[in-house]
Amino acid sequence: MANVKKLLLVVLEAMALSGCIQTLKQTPVDDRSDVRFVEHINDDGTLDRSYYQFRAADGNWYEGERKNGIWGLSEMGRIEYKRSQGRSSAGGGAC
């Protein structure tokens, strides 16, 4: 067990030194509770990536987009949503 803790500590230190640890900023969009804007910010303050998320019927957040004024799941969000539904109906799966 001690070796696992040491390995985890080394990995976390390596991530911190390489700048892999990011801050996750989530901002509501249009005062809606089911849409948010997500930003991954590097330790040096630069923006790594950003995207919208939409809360699906299962209560989880997936990548979203606005088409013709309507918020919903993006293509990637639909793929992830379908995957999550398949795992939960099969009795769960490894993350």
Protein backbone atom coordinates (compact mmCIF):
# COMPACT_ATOMS: atom_id res chain seq x y z
CA MET A 1 0.00 0.00 0.00
CA ALA A 2 2.86 2.36 0.74
CA ASN A 3 4.29 1.79 -2.73
CA VAL A 4 0.97 2.79 -4.31
CA LYS A 5 0.93 6.03 -2.31
CA LYS A 6 4.51 6.81 -3.32
CA LEU A 7 3.74 6.12 -6.97
CA LEU A 8 0.67 8.35 -6.86
CA LEU A 9 2.68 11.14 -5.23
CA VAL A 10 5.38 10.88 -7.91
CA VAL A 11 2.80 10.98 -10.70
CA LEU A 12 1.06 14.03 -9.22
CA GLU A 13 4.38 15.83 -8.76
CA ALA A 14 5.35 15.07 -12.35
CA MET A 15 2.02 16.41 -13.58
CA ALA A 16 2.44 19.59 -11.56
CA LEU A 17 5.97 20.15 -12.87
CA SER A 18 4.93 19.54 -16.48
CA GLY A 19 1.99 21.93 -16.26
CA CYS A 20 -0.61 19.19 -16.75
CA ILE A 21 -2.69 20.22 -13.77
CA GLN A 22 -5.45 22.55 -14.89
CA THR A 23 -8.10 24.67 -13.30
CA LEU A 24 -11.64 23.90 -14.39
CA LYS A 25 -13.91 26.95 -14.63
CA GLN A 26 -17.65 26.45 -15.15
CA THR A 27 -19.94 29.37 -15.99
CA PRO A 28 -23.74 29.19 -16.35
CA VAL A 29 -25.05 30.27 -19.76
CA ASP A 30 -28.09 32.55 -20.14
CA ASP A 31 -29.01 31.96 -16.46
CA ARG A 32 -29.92 28.36 -17.31
CA SER A 33 -29.27 25.48 -14.93
CA ASP A 34 -28.91 22.94 -17.75
CA VAL A 35 -26.23 24.70 -19.84
CA ARG A 36 -22.72 25.74 -18.80
CA PHE A 37 -19.52 26.95 -20.42
CA VAL A 38 -16.43 24.98 -19.35
CA GLU A 39 -12.87 26.29 -19.55
CA HIS A 40 -9.70 24.35 -18.78
CA ILE A 41 -7.06 26.86 -17.67
CA ASN A 42 -3.37 25.95 -17.34
CA ASP A 43 -1.32 26.87 -14.29
CA ASP A 44 0.18 29.83 -16.18
CA GLY A 45 -3.31 31.25 -16.81
CA THR A 46 -3.54 30.36 -20.49
CA LEU A 47 -6.69 28.78 -21.85
CA ASP A 48 -6.16 25.15 -22.87
CA ARG A 49 -9.63 24.36 -24.18
CA SER A 50 -13.24 25.39 -23.77
CA TYR A 51 -16.66 24.00 -24.70
CA TYR A 52 -20.32 24.01 -23.71
CA GLN A 53 -21.96 21.30 -21.65
CA PHE A 54 -25.64 20.37 -21.55
CA ARG A 55 -27.33 18.40 -18.76
CA ALA A 56 -29.07 15.41 -20.33
CA ALA A 57 -32.15 13.56 -19.11
CA ASP A 58 -30.00 11.26 -16.94
CA GLY A 59 -28.76 14.29 -14.95
CA ASN A 60 -25.16 14.05 -16.20
CA TRP A 61 -23.28 16.70 -18.18
CA TYR A 62 -22.23 16.09 -21.78
CA GLU A 63 -20.78 18.28 -24.52
CA GLY A 64 -23.49 20.55 -25.86
CA GLU A 65 -24.17 23.06 -28.59
CA ARG A 66 -26.76 25.56 -29.67
CA LYS A 67 -28.42 24.96 -33.04
CA ASN A 68 -31.10 27.25 -34.41
CA GLY A 69 -31.46 28.83 -30.97
CA ILE A 70 -32.04 25.52 -29.19
CA TRP A 71 -29.56 23.99 -26.71
CA GLY A 72 -28.90 20.27 -26.87
CA LEU A 73 -26.19 17.63 -27.07
CA SER A 74 -23.47 17.95 -29.69
CA GLU A 75 -22.53 14.93 -31.79
CA MET A 76 -19.81 14.02 -29.27
CA GLY A 77 -22.28 14.58 -26.43
CA ARG A 78 -24.78 12.19 -28.03
CA ILE A 79 -22.08 9.55 -28.43
CA GLU A 80 -21.04 9.86 -24.77
CA TYR A 81 -24.68 9.84 -23.64
CA LYS A 82 -25.37 6.62 -25.58
CA ARG A 83 -22.24 5.03 -24.13
CA SER A 84 -23.28 5.92 -20.60
CA GLN A 85 -26.75 4.48 -21.16
CA GLY A 86 -25.27 1.24 -22.48
CA ARG A 87 -23.01 0.86 -19.45
CA SER A 88 -25.74 1.54 -16.92
CA SER A 89 -28.16 -0.92 -18.53
CA ALA A 90 -25.44 -3.61 -18.66
CA GLY A 91 -24.90 -3.41 -14.93
CA GLY A 92 -22.12 -0.85 -14.91
CA GLY A 93 -18.65 -0.70 -16.34
CA ALA A 94 -15.18 0.41 -15.50
CA CYS A 95 -14.50 4.12 -15.80
